[in-house]
Each structure stands twice: as structure tokens, then as C-alpha cells.
Amino acid sequence: MTPLDNAMRSKNMFLAFGGLITAVGVWSIWGGDMFPSNADPKGDPETWTREEMRRWLAARNLHPQDSDTDEQLLERIKLNHRVPRRTRPTENEPLLPV
């Protein structure tokens, strides 16, 4: 028997191949955004629902509180209307400002 024949009969090679296939499957399922975020609400913020206002603030790391009134949420939206949506940092971008 050649070393290649022995390698093909090895249980370790079979398990390694099965592990590789499993890893690729898990990566393809969990690697992307499983639940993509909702789009920003459109139009005048004064016509948005409470949930839309809270989602808009949360997407920009502005931490809406449960106890905030609709007027408080609307005021915070108007003050921060130019804040861009939070995104994941790129590969070379630091997580915190330097």
C-alpha cells in the first residue's frame, strides 16, 4: 500500500473533510447579517411613530430611553438629524477615535 492509499482510508482524513464542510456551511449561514436592520423611516420626523423614532435614534447610538416621551424623542431627532447611521468599522479603522 502506498502512503496515499493509507491516507484515503484514514478516519482522520474523513473527519477533517467533514469538519471542513461543516465549517463552510456554518460560515455561510451565520457569516452574513441574519436579520438585516430595517431601513430608516422616510419623511418628516413629526409623522413618525414612537417605534420609528426609537429605531432611528438607536441606529445612531443615541440610546433612547423607555421613559422618553414622544416630544423628547422628536427633539433629540431634530438635534441629531445630520448624524450618520452607525456602521461596522472597516478592517483598518480603529474601534475608538484616537
PDB file of N, CA and C in Angstrom:
ATOM      1  N   MET A   1       0.829  -1.171   0.000  1.00  0.00           N
ATOM      2  CA  MET A   1       0.000   0.000   0.000  1.00  0.00           C
ATOM      3  C   MET A   1       0.882   1.247   0.000  1.00  0.00           C
ATOM      4  N   THR A   2       0.436   2.215  -0.750  1.00  0.00           N
ATOM      5  CA  THR A   2       1.163   3.486  -0.820  1.00  0.00           C
ATOM      6  C   THR A   2       0.678   4.406   0.301  1.00  0.00           C
ATOM      7  N   PRO A   3       1.452   5.435   0.611  1.00  0.00           N
ATOM      8  CA  PRO A   3       1.008   6.394   1.633  1.00  0.00           C
ATOM      9  C   PRO A   3      -0.310   7.078   1.255  1.00  0.00           C
ATOM     10  N   LEU A   4      -0.543   7.252  -0.057  1.00  0.00           N
ATOM     11  CA  LEU A   4      -1.794   7.868  -0.492  1.00  0.00           C
ATOM     12  C   LEU A   4      -2.980   6.956  -0.176  1.00  0.00           C
ATOM     13  N   ASP A   5      -2.812   5.659  -0.405  1.00  0.00           N
ATOM     14  CA  ASP A   5      -3.876   4.708  -0.065  1.00  0.00           C
ATOM     15  C   ASP A   5      -4.169   4.727   1.435  1.00  0.00           C
ATOM     16  N   ASN A   6      -3.120   4.773   2.230  1.00  0.00           N
ATOM     17  CA  ASN A   6      -3.314   4.818   3.684  1.00  0.00           C
ATOM     18  C   ASN A   6      -4.031   6.101   4.104  1.00  0.00           C
ATOM     19  N   ALA A   7      -3.698   7.217   3.476  1.00  0.00           N
ATOM     20  CA  ALA A   7      -4.339   8.491   3.817  1.00  0.00           C
ATOM     21  C   ALA A   7      -5.817   8.478   3.440  1.00  0.00           C
ATOM     22  N   MET A   8      -6.143   7.852   2.326  1.00  0.00           N
ATOM     23  CA  MET A   8      -7.534   7.818   1.884  1.00  0.00           C
ATOM     24  C   MET A   8      -8.390   6.928   2.786  1.00  0.00           C
ATOM     25  N   ARG A   9      -7.783   5.956   3.432  1.00  0.00           N
ATOM     26  CA  ARG A   9      -8.535   5.064   4.311  1.00  0.00           C
ATOM     27  C   ARG A   9      -8.601   5.588   5.748  1.00  0.00           C
ATOM     28  N   SER A  10      -7.896   6.631   6.014  1.00  0.00           N
ATOM     29  CA  SER A  10      -7.802   7.139   7.378  1.00  0.00           C
ATOM     30  C   SER A  10      -9.117   7.775   7.820  1.00  0.00           C
ATOM     31  N   LYS A  11      -9.540   7.457   9.026  1.00  0.00           N
ATOM     32  CA  LYS A  11     -10.734   8.078   9.588  1.00  0.00           C
ATOM     33  C   LYS A  11     -10.476   9.555   9.867  1.00  0.00           C
ATOM     34  N   ASN A  12      -9.231   9.892  10.176  1.00  0.00           N
ATOM     35  CA  ASN A  12      -8.910  11.286  10.468  1.00  0.00           C
ATOM     36  C   ASN A  12      -9.138  12.168   9.245  1.00  0.00           C
ATOM     37  N   MET A  13      -8.777  11.695   8.078  1.00  0.00           N
ATOM     38  CA  MET A  13      -8.994  12.478   6.859  1.00  0.00           C
ATOM     39  C   MET A  13     -10.490  12.650   6.604  1.00  0.00           C
ATOM     40  N   PHE A  14     -11.251  11.601   6.835  1.00  0.00           N
ATOM     41  CA  PHE A  14     -12.700  11.691   6.659  1.00  0.00           C
ATOM     42  C   PHE A  14     -13.298  12.707   7.630  1.00  0.00           C
ATOM     43  N   LEU A  15     -12.882  12.659   8.881  1.00  0.00           N
ATOM     44  CA  LEU A  15     -13.384  13.604   9.876  1.00  0.00           C
ATOM     45  C   LEU A  15     -12.940  15.034   9.570  1.00  0.00           C
ATOM     46  N   ALA A  16     -11.711  15.202   9.084  1.00  0.00           N
ATOM     47  CA  ALA A  16     -11.233  16.542   8.731  1.00  0.00           C
ATOM     48  C   ALA A  16     -12.047  17.107   7.570  1.00  0.00           C
ATOM     49  N   PHE A  17     -12.325  16.277   6.576  1.00  0.00           N
ATOM     50  CA  PHE A  17     -13.130  16.730   5.439  1.00  0.00           C
ATOM     51  C   PHE A  17     -14.552  17.072   5.895  1.00  0.00           C
ATOM     52  N   GLY A  18     -15.125  16.240   6.742  1.00  0.00           N
ATOM     53  CA  GLY A  18     -16.460  16.527   7.276  1.00  0.00           C
ATOM     54  C   GLY A  18     -16.476  17.805   8.101  1.00  0.00           C
ATOM     55  N   GLY A  19     -15.429  18.027   8.878  1.00  0.00           N
ATOM     56  CA  GLY A  19     -15.319  19.263   9.657  1.00  0.00           C
ATOM     57  C   GLY A  19     -15.199  20.481   8.767  1.00  0.00           C
ATOM     58  N   LEU A  20     -14.460  20.350   7.677  1.00  0.00           N
ATOM     59  CA  LEU A  20     -14.314  21.461   6.731  1.00  0.00           C
ATOM     60  C   LEU A  20     -15.657  21.798   6.088  1.00  0.00           C
ATOM     61  N   ILE A  21     -16.387  20.800   5.667  1.00  0.00           N
ATOM     62  CA  ILE A  21     -17.703  21.025   5.056  1.00  0.00           C
ATOM     63  C   ILE A  21     -18.652  21.663   6.075  1.00  0.00           C
ATOM     64  N   THR A  22     -18.617  21.189   7.314  1.00  0.00           N
ATOM     65  CA  THR A  22     -19.461  21.770   8.362  1.00  0.00           C
ATOM     66  C   THR A  22     -19.091  23.225   8.622  1.00  0.00           C
ATOM     67  N   ALA A  23     -17.795  23.523   8.680  1.00  0.00           N
ATOM     68  CA  ALA A  23     -17.348  24.896   8.927  1.00  0.00           C
ATOM     69  C   ALA A  23     -17.789  25.831   7.807  1.00  0.00           C
ATOM     70  N   VAL A  24     -17.693  25.378   6.571  1.00  0.00           N
ATOM     71  CA  VAL A  24     -18.132  26.205   5.442  1.00  0.00           C
ATOM     72  C   VAL A  24     -19.637  26.438   5.518  1.00  0.00           C
ATOM     73  N   GLY A  25     -20.382  25.413   5.864  1.00  0.00           N
ATOM     74  CA  GLY A  25     -21.833  25.577   5.993  1.00  0.00           C
ATOM     75  C   GLY A  25     -22.211  26.547   7.099  1.00  0.00           C
ATOM     76  N   VAL A  26     -21.570  26.426   8.247  1.00  0.00           N
ATOM     77  CA  VAL A  26     -21.850  27.334   9.367  1.00  0.00           C
ATOM     78  C   VAL A  26     -21.475  28.758   8.998  1.00  0.00           C
ATOM     79  N   TRP A  27     -20.328  28.936   8.348  1.00  0.00           N
ATOM     80  CA  TRP A  27     -19.899  30.284   7.957  1.00  0.00           C
ATOM     81  C   TRP A  27     -20.876  30.900   6.958  1.00  0.00           C
ATOM     82  N   SER A  28     -21.365  30.110   6.016  1.00  0.00           N
ATOM     83  CA  SER A  28     -22.286  30.675   5.024  1.00  0.00           C
ATOM     84  C   SER A  28     -23.628  31.045   5.652  1.00  0.00           C
ATOM     85  N   ILE A  29     -24.046  30.318   6.675  1.00  0.00           N
ATOM     86  CA  ILE A  29     -25.313  30.625   7.336  1.00  0.00           C
ATOM     87  C   ILE A  29     -25.155  31.794   8.296  1.00  0.00           C
ATOM     88  N   TRP A  30     -24.157  31.769   9.158  1.00  0.00           N
ATOM     89  CA  TRP A  30     -24.011  32.767  10.220  1.00  0.00           C
ATOM     90  C   TRP A  30     -23.086  33.909   9.849  1.00  0.00           C
ATOM     91  N   GLY A  31     -22.373  33.814   8.735  1.00  0.00           N
ATOM     92  CA  GLY A  31     -21.381  34.829   8.387  1.00  0.00           C
ATOM     93  C   GLY A  31     -21.969  36.168   8.010  1.00  0.00           C
ATOM     94  N   GLY A  32     -23.131  36.211   7.406  1.00  0.00           N
ATOM     95  CA  GLY A  32     -23.732  37.468   6.984  1.00  0.00           C
ATOM     96  C   GLY A  32     -24.715  37.984   8.009  1.00  0.00           C
ATOM     97  N   ASP A  33     -25.400  39.022   7.652  1.00  0.00           N
ATOM     98  CA  ASP A  33     -26.436  39.560   8.524  1.00  0.00           C
ATOM     99  C   ASP A  33     -27.653  38.654   8.443  1.00  0.00           C
ATOM    100  N   MET A  34     -27.915  37.937   9.516  1.00  0.00           N
ATOM    101  CA  MET A  34     -29.034  37.016   9.515  1.00  0.00           C
ATOM    102  C   MET A  34     -30.356  37.778   9.551  1.00  0.00           C
ATOM    103  N   PHE A  35     -30.377  38.845  10.324  1.00  0.00           N
ATOM    104  CA  PHE A  35     -31.552  39.697  10.408  1.00  0.00           C
ATOM    105  C   PHE A  35     -31.124  41.117  10.065  1.00  0.00           C
ATOM    106  N   PRO A  36     -31.130  41.488   8.797  1.00  0.00           N
ATOM    107  CA  PRO A  36     -30.673  42.834   8.438  1.00  0.00           C
ATOM    108  C   PRO A  36     -31.541  43.898   9.089  1.00  0.00           C
ATOM    109  N   SER A  37     -30.903  45.023   9.393  1.00  0.00           N
ATOM    110  CA  SER A  37     -31.632  46.095  10.070  1.00  0.00           C
ATOM    111  C   SER A  37     -32.645  46.736   9.129  1.00  0.00           C
ATOM    112  N   ASN A  38     -33.681  47.287   9.721  1.00  0.00           N
ATOM    113  CA  ASN A  38     -34.717  47.961   8.941  1.00  0.00           C
ATOM    114  C   ASN A  38     -34.176  49.262   8.378  1.00  0.00           C
ATOM    115  N   ALA A  39     -34.752  49.693   7.280  1.00  0.00           N
ATOM    116  CA  ALA A  39     -34.346  50.955   6.674  1.00  0.00           C
ATOM    117  C   ALA A  39     -34.811  52.112   7.547  1.00  0.00           C
ATOM    118  N   ASP A  40     -34.125  53.233   7.403  1.00  0.00           N
ATOM    119  CA  ASP A  40     -34.524  54.430   8.143  1.00  0.00           C
ATOM    120  C   ASP A  40     -35.908  54.872   7.708  1.00  0.00           C
ATOM    121  N   PRO A  41     -36.694  55.406   8.640  1.00  0.00           N
ATOM    122  CA  PRO A  41     -38.001  55.949   8.256  1.00  0.00           C
ATOM    123  C   PRO A  41     -37.822  57.163   7.354  1.00  0.00           C
ATOM    124  N   LYS A  42     -38.748  57.356   6.457  1.00  0.00           N
ATOM    125  CA  LYS A  42     -38.680  58.456   5.490  1.00  0.00           C
ATOM    126  C   LYS A  42     -39.669  59.546   5.876  1.00  0.00           C
ATOM    127  N   GLY A  43     -39.431  60.727   5.340  1.00  0.00           N
ATOM    128  CA  GLY A  43     -40.382  61.813   5.525  1.00  0.00           C
ATOM    129  C   GLY A  43     -40.095  62.649   6.752  1.00  0.00           C
ATOM    130  N   ASP A  44     -41.088  63.379   7.160  1.00  0.00           N
ATOM    131  CA  ASP A  44     -40.996  64.306   8.278  1.00  0.00           C
ATOM    132  C   ASP A  44     -40.982  63.534   9.601  1.00  0.00           C
ATOM    133  N   PRO A  45     -39.985  63.765  10.467  1.00  0.00           N
ATOM    134  CA  PRO A  45     -39.939  63.049  11.751  1.00  0.00           C
ATOM    135  C   PRO A  45     -41.169  63.274  12.623  1.00  0.00           C
ATOM    136  N   GLU A  46     -41.888  64.357  12.403  1.00  0.00           N
ATOM    137  CA  GLU A  46     -43.074  64.623  13.221  1.00  0.00           C
ATOM    138  C   GLU A  46     -44.214  63.654  12.912  1.00  0.00           C
ATOM    139  N   THR A  47     -44.137  62.963  11.777  1.00  0.00           N
ATOM    140  CA  THR A  47     -45.181  61.998  11.413  1.00  0.00           C
ATOM    141  C   THR A  47     -44.780  60.557  11.743  1.00  0.00           C
ATOM    142  N   TRP A  48     -43.572  60.344  12.268  1.00  0.00           N
ATOM    143  CA  TRP A  48     -43.101  59.003  12.588  1.00  0.00           C
ATOM    144  C   TRP A  48     -43.800  58.470  13.834  1.00  0.00           C
ATOM    145  N   THR A  49     -43.886  57.147  13.899  1.00  0.00           N
ATOM    146  CA  THR A  49     -44.409  56.512  15.107  1.00  0.00           C
ATOM    147  C   THR A  49     -43.325  56.509  16.185  1.00  0.00           C
ATOM    148  N   ARG A  50     -43.733  56.213  17.396  1.00  0.00           N
ATOM    149  CA  ARG A  50     -42.771  56.153  18.508  1.00  0.00           C
ATOM    150  C   ARG A  50     -41.678  55.125  18.222  1.00  0.00           C
ATOM    151  N   GLU A  51     -42.058  53.969  17.684  1.00  0.00           N
ATOM    152  CA  GLU A  51     -41.083  52.918  17.391  1.00  0.00           C
ATOM    153  C   GLU A  51     -40.100  53.361  16.306  1.00  0.00           C
ATOM    154  N   GLU A  52     -40.569  54.068  15.294  1.00  0.00           N
ATOM    155  CA  GLU A  52     -39.672  54.577  14.248  1.00  0.00           C
ATOM    156  C   GLU A  52     -38.680  55.583  14.825  1.00  0.00           C
ATOM    157  N   MET A  53     -39.144  56.439  15.724  1.00  0.00           N
ATOM    158  CA  MET A  53     -38.235  57.408  16.343  1.00  0.00           C
ATOM    159  C   MET A  53     -37.183  56.695  17.193  1.00  0.00           C
ATOM    160  N   ARG A  54     -37.609  55.705  17.964  1.00  0.00           N
ATOM    161  CA  ARG A  54     -36.661  54.956  18.794  1.00  0.00           C
ATOM    162  C   ARG A  54     -35.660  54.192  17.929  1.00  0.00           C
ATOM    163  N   ARG A  55     -36.117  53.588  16.824  1.00  0.00           N
ATOM    164  CA  ARG A  55     -35.225  52.858  15.927  1.00  0.00           C
ATOM    165  C   ARG A  55     -34.209  53.796  15.280  1.00  0.00           C
ATOM    166  N   TRP A  56     -34.651  54.995  14.876  1.00  0.00           N
ATOM    167  CA  TRP A  56     -33.761  55.975  14.248  1.00  0.00           C
ATOM    168  C   TRP A  56     -32.668  56.392  15.226  1.00  0.00           C
ATOM    169  N   LEU A  57     -33.037  56.656  16.475  1.00  0.00           N
ATOM    170  CA  LEU A  57     -32.052  57.056  17.482  1.00  0.00           C
ATOM    171  C   LEU A  57     -31.094  55.909  17.814  1.00  0.00           C
ATOM    172  N   ALA A  58     -31.618  54.703  17.948  1.00  0.00           N
ATOM    173  CA  ALA A  58     -30.783  53.550  18.288  1.00  0.00           C
ATOM    174  C   ALA A  58     -29.789  53.235  17.176  1.00  0.00           C
ATOM    175  N   ALA A  59     -30.169  53.441  15.922  1.00  0.00           N
ATOM    176  CA  ALA A  59     -29.270  53.166  14.799  1.00  0.00           C
ATOM    177  C   ALA A  59     -28.078  54.114  14.789  1.00  0.00           C
ATOM    178  N   ARG A  60     -28.181  55.213  15.496  1.00  0.00           N
ATOM    179  CA  ARG A  60     -27.101  56.194  15.560  1.00  0.00           C
ATOM    180  C   ARG A  60     -26.436  56.229  16.937  1.00  0.00           C
ATOM    181  N   ASN A  61     -26.646  55.192  17.721  1.00  0.00           N
ATOM    182  CA  ASN A  61     -26.060  55.080  19.059  1.00  0.00           C
ATOM    183  C   ASN A  61     -26.457  56.238  19.961  1.00  0.00           C
ATOM    184  N   LEU A  62     -27.679  56.726  19.856  1.00  0.00           N
ATOM    185  CA  LEU A  62     -28.147  57.836  20.674  1.00  0.00           C
ATOM    186  C   LEU A  62     -29.000  57.367  21.849  1.00  0.00           C
ATOM    187  N   HIS A  63     -29.090  56.076  22.064  1.00  0.00           N
ATOM    188  CA  HIS A  63     -29.660  55.430  23.241  1.00  0.00           C
ATOM    189  C   HIS A  63     -30.990  56.015  23.716  1.00  0.00           C
ATOM    190  N   PRO A  64     -32.075  55.753  23.014  1.00  0.00           N
ATOM    191  CA  PRO A  64     -33.380  56.215  23.504  1.00  0.00           C
ATOM    192  C   PRO A  64     -33.772  55.438  24.761  1.00  0.00           C
ATOM    193  N   GLN A  65     -34.388  56.125  25.690  1.00  0.00           N
ATOM    194  CA  GLN A  65     -34.838  55.506  26.942  1.00  0.00           C
ATOM    195  C   GLN A  65     -36.314  55.144  26.832  1.00  0.00           C
ATOM    196  N   ASP A  66     -36.730  54.143  27.570  1.00  0.00           N
ATOM    197  CA  ASP A  66     -38.146  53.757  27.589  1.00  0.00           C
ATOM    198  C   ASP A  66     -39.020  54.861  28.171  1.00  0.00           C
ATOM    199  N   SER A  67     -38.440  55.640  29.076  1.00  0.00           N
ATOM    200  CA  SER A  67     -39.221  56.682  29.750  1.00  0.00           C
ATOM    201  C   SER A  67     -39.326  57.975  28.941  1.00  0.00           C
ATOM    202  N   ASP A  68     -38.609  58.079  27.813  1.00  0.00           N
ATOM    203  CA  ASP A  68     -38.671  59.298  26.994  1.00  0.00           C
ATOM    204  C   ASP A  68     -40.064  59.466  26.394  1.00  0.00           C
ATOM    205  N   THR A  69     -40.543  60.692  26.395  1.00  0.00           N
ATOM    206  CA  THR A  69     -41.832  60.979  25.764  1.00  0.00           C
ATOM    207  C   THR A  69     -41.630  61.158  24.267  1.00  0.00           C
ATOM    208  N   ASP A  70     -42.724  61.170  23.529  1.00  0.00           N
ATOM    209  CA  ASP A  70     -42.637  61.381  22.083  1.00  0.00           C
ATOM    210  C   ASP A  70     -41.999  62.728  21.766  1.00  0.00           C
ATOM    211  N   GLU A  71     -42.301  63.738  22.567  1.00  0.00           N
ATOM    212  CA  GLU A  71     -41.741  65.071  22.344  1.00  0.00           C
ATOM    213  C   GLU A  71     -40.231  65.069  22.567  1.00  0.00           C
ATOM    214  N   GLN A  72     -39.769  64.347  23.588  1.00  0.00           N
ATOM    215  CA  GLN A  72     -38.334  64.264  23.849  1.00  0.00           C
ATOM    216  C   GLN A  72     -37.619  63.528  22.720  1.00  0.00           C
ATOM    217  N   LEU A  73     -38.218  62.446  22.248  1.00  0.00           N
ATOM    218  CA  LEU A  73     -37.618  61.707  21.139  1.00  0.00           C
ATOM    219  C   LEU A  73     -37.534  62.577  19.895  1.00  0.00           C
ATOM    220  N   LEU A  74     -38.609  63.293  19.596  1.00  0.00           N
ATOM    221  CA  LEU A  74     -38.636  64.159  18.422  1.00  0.00           C
ATOM    222  C   LEU A  74     -37.592  65.263  18.538  1.00  0.00           C
ATOM    223  N   GLU A  75     -37.434  65.828  19.714  1.00  0.00           N
ATOM    224  CA  GLU A  75     -36.438  66.883  19.919  1.00  0.00           C
ATOM    225  C   GLU A  75     -35.025  66.345  19.690  1.00  0.00           C
ATOM    226  N   ARG A  76     -34.750  65.149  20.202  1.00  0.00           N
ATOM    227  CA  ARG A  76     -33.426  64.546  20.002  1.00  0.00           C
ATOM    228  C   ARG A  76     -33.180  64.234  18.537  1.00  0.00           C
ATOM    229  N   ILE A  77     -34.209  63.818  17.816  1.00  0.00           N
ATOM    230  CA  ILE A  77     -34.058  63.545  16.384  1.00  0.00           C
ATOM    231  C   ILE A  77     -33.730  64.825  15.644  1.00  0.00           C
ATOM    232  N   LYS A  78     -34.447  65.895  15.952  1.00  0.00           N
ATOM    233  CA  LYS A  78     -34.199  67.167  15.265  1.00  0.00           C
ATOM    234  C   LYS A  78     -32.799  67.697  15.565  1.00  0.00           C
ATOM    235  N   LEU A  79     -32.325  67.512  16.793  1.00  0.00           N
ATOM    236  CA  LEU A  79     -30.985  67.980  17.149  1.00  0.00           C
ATOM    237  C   LEU A  79     -29.889  67.163  16.473  1.00  0.00           C
ATOM    238  N   ASN A  80     -30.159  65.900  16.208  1.00  0.00           N
ATOM    239  CA  ASN A  80     -29.137  64.997  15.668  1.00  0.00           C
ATOM    240  C   ASN A  80     -29.443  64.539  14.251  1.00  0.00           C
ATOM    241  N   HIS A  81     -30.218  65.302  13.523  1.00  0.00           N
ATOM    242  CA  HIS A  81     -30.680  64.849  12.210  1.00  0.00           C
ATOM    243  C   HIS A  81     -29.538  64.623  11.221  1.00  0.00           C
ATOM    244  N   ARG A  82     -28.406  65.227  11.407  1.00  0.00           N
ATOM    245  CA  ARG A  82     -27.286  65.066  10.478  1.00  0.00           C
ATOM    246  C   ARG A  82     -26.295  63.993  10.901  1.00  0.00           C
ATOM    247  N   VAL A  83     -26.547  63.303  12.013  1.00  0.00           N
ATOM    248  CA  VAL A  83     -25.646  62.253  12.475  1.00  0.00           C
ATOM    249  C   VAL A  83     -25.804  61.052  11.551  1.00  0.00           C
ATOM    250  N   PRO A  84     -24.702  60.561  10.942  1.00  0.00           N
ATOM    251  CA  PRO A  84     -24.834  59.413  10.034  1.00  0.00           C
ATOM    252  C   PRO A  84     -25.168  58.137  10.793  1.00  0.00           C
ATOM    253  N   ARG A  85     -25.726  57.203  10.061  1.00  0.00           N
ATOM    254  CA  ARG A  85     -26.102  55.911  10.629  1.00  0.00           C
ATOM    255  C   ARG A  85     -24.848  55.171  11.077  1.00  0.00           C
ATOM    256  N   ARG A  86     -24.934  54.455  12.198  1.00  0.00           N
ATOM    257  CA  ARG A  86     -23.809  53.686  12.717  1.00  0.00           C
ATOM    258  C   ARG A  86     -23.510  52.532  11.758  1.00  0.00           C
ATOM    259  N   THR A  87     -22.243  52.339  11.451  1.00  0.00           N
ATOM    260  CA  THR A  87     -21.829  51.228  10.602  1.00  0.00           C
ATOM    261  C   THR A  87     -20.742  50.446  11.313  1.00  0.00           C
ATOM    262  N   ARG A  88     -20.488  49.276  10.829  1.00  0.00           N
ATOM    263  CA  ARG A  88     -19.398  48.485  11.381  1.00  0.00           C
ATOM    264  C   ARG A  88     -18.082  49.095  10.917  1.00  0.00           C
ATOM    265  N   PRO A  89     -17.047  49.107  11.783  1.00  0.00           N
ATOM    266  CA  PRO A  89     -15.764  49.660  11.356  1.00  0.00           C
ATOM    267  C   PRO A  89     -15.136  48.785  10.281  1.00  0.00           C
ATOM    268  N   THR A  90     -14.419  49.433   9.374  1.00  0.00           N
ATOM    269  CA  THR A  90     -13.726  48.678   8.338  1.00  0.00           C
ATOM    270  C   THR A  90     -12.537  47.967   8.960  1.00  0.00           C
ATOM    271  N   GLU A  91     -11.839  47.192   8.160  1.00  0.00           N
ATOM    272  CA  GLU A  91     -10.758  46.368   8.665  1.00  0.00           C
ATOM    273  C   GLU A  91      -9.643  47.198   9.301  1.00  0.00           C
ATOM    274  N   ASN A  92      -9.295  48.331   8.699  1.00  0.00           N
ATOM    275  CA  ASN A  92      -8.181  49.134   9.185  1.00  0.00           C
ATOM    276  C   ASN A  92      -8.619  50.287  10.076  1.00  0.00           C
ATOM    277  N   GLU A  93      -9.900  50.472  10.265  1.00  0.00           N
ATOM    278  CA  GLU A  93     -10.412  51.586  11.053  1.00  0.00           C
ATOM    279  C   GLU A  93     -10.422  51.202  12.531  1.00  0.00           C
ATOM    280  N   PRO A  94      -9.907  52.082  13.410  1.00  0.00           N
ATOM    281  CA  PRO A  94      -9.930  51.749  14.840  1.00  0.00           C
ATOM    282  C   PRO A  94     -11.357  51.777  15.372  1.00  0.00           C
ATOM    283  N   LEU A  95     -11.592  50.998  16.425  1.00  0.00           N
ATOM    284  CA  LEU A  95     -12.919  50.948  17.020  1.00  0.00           C
ATOM    285  C   LEU A  95     -13.256  52.238  17.751  1.00  0.00           C
ATOM    286  N   LEU A  96     -12.263  52.861  18.354  1.00  0.00           N
ATOM    287  CA  LEU A  96     -12.470  54.106  19.077  1.00  0.00           C
ATOM    288  C   LEU A  96     -11.650  55.207  18.423  1.00  0.00           C
ATOM    289  N   PRO A  97     -12.106  56.443  18.484  1.00  0.00           N
ATOM    290  CA  PRO A  97     -11.301  57.530  17.923  1.00  0.00           C
ATOM    291  C   PRO A  97      -9.981  57.645  18.665  1.00  0.00           C
ATOM    292  N   VAL A  98      -8.950  57.947  17.918  1.00  0.00           N
ATOM    293  CA  VAL A  98      -7.603  58.034  18.508  1.00  0.00           C
ATOM    294  C   VAL A  98      -7.298  59.451  18.890  1.00  0.00           C
TER     295      VAL A  98
END
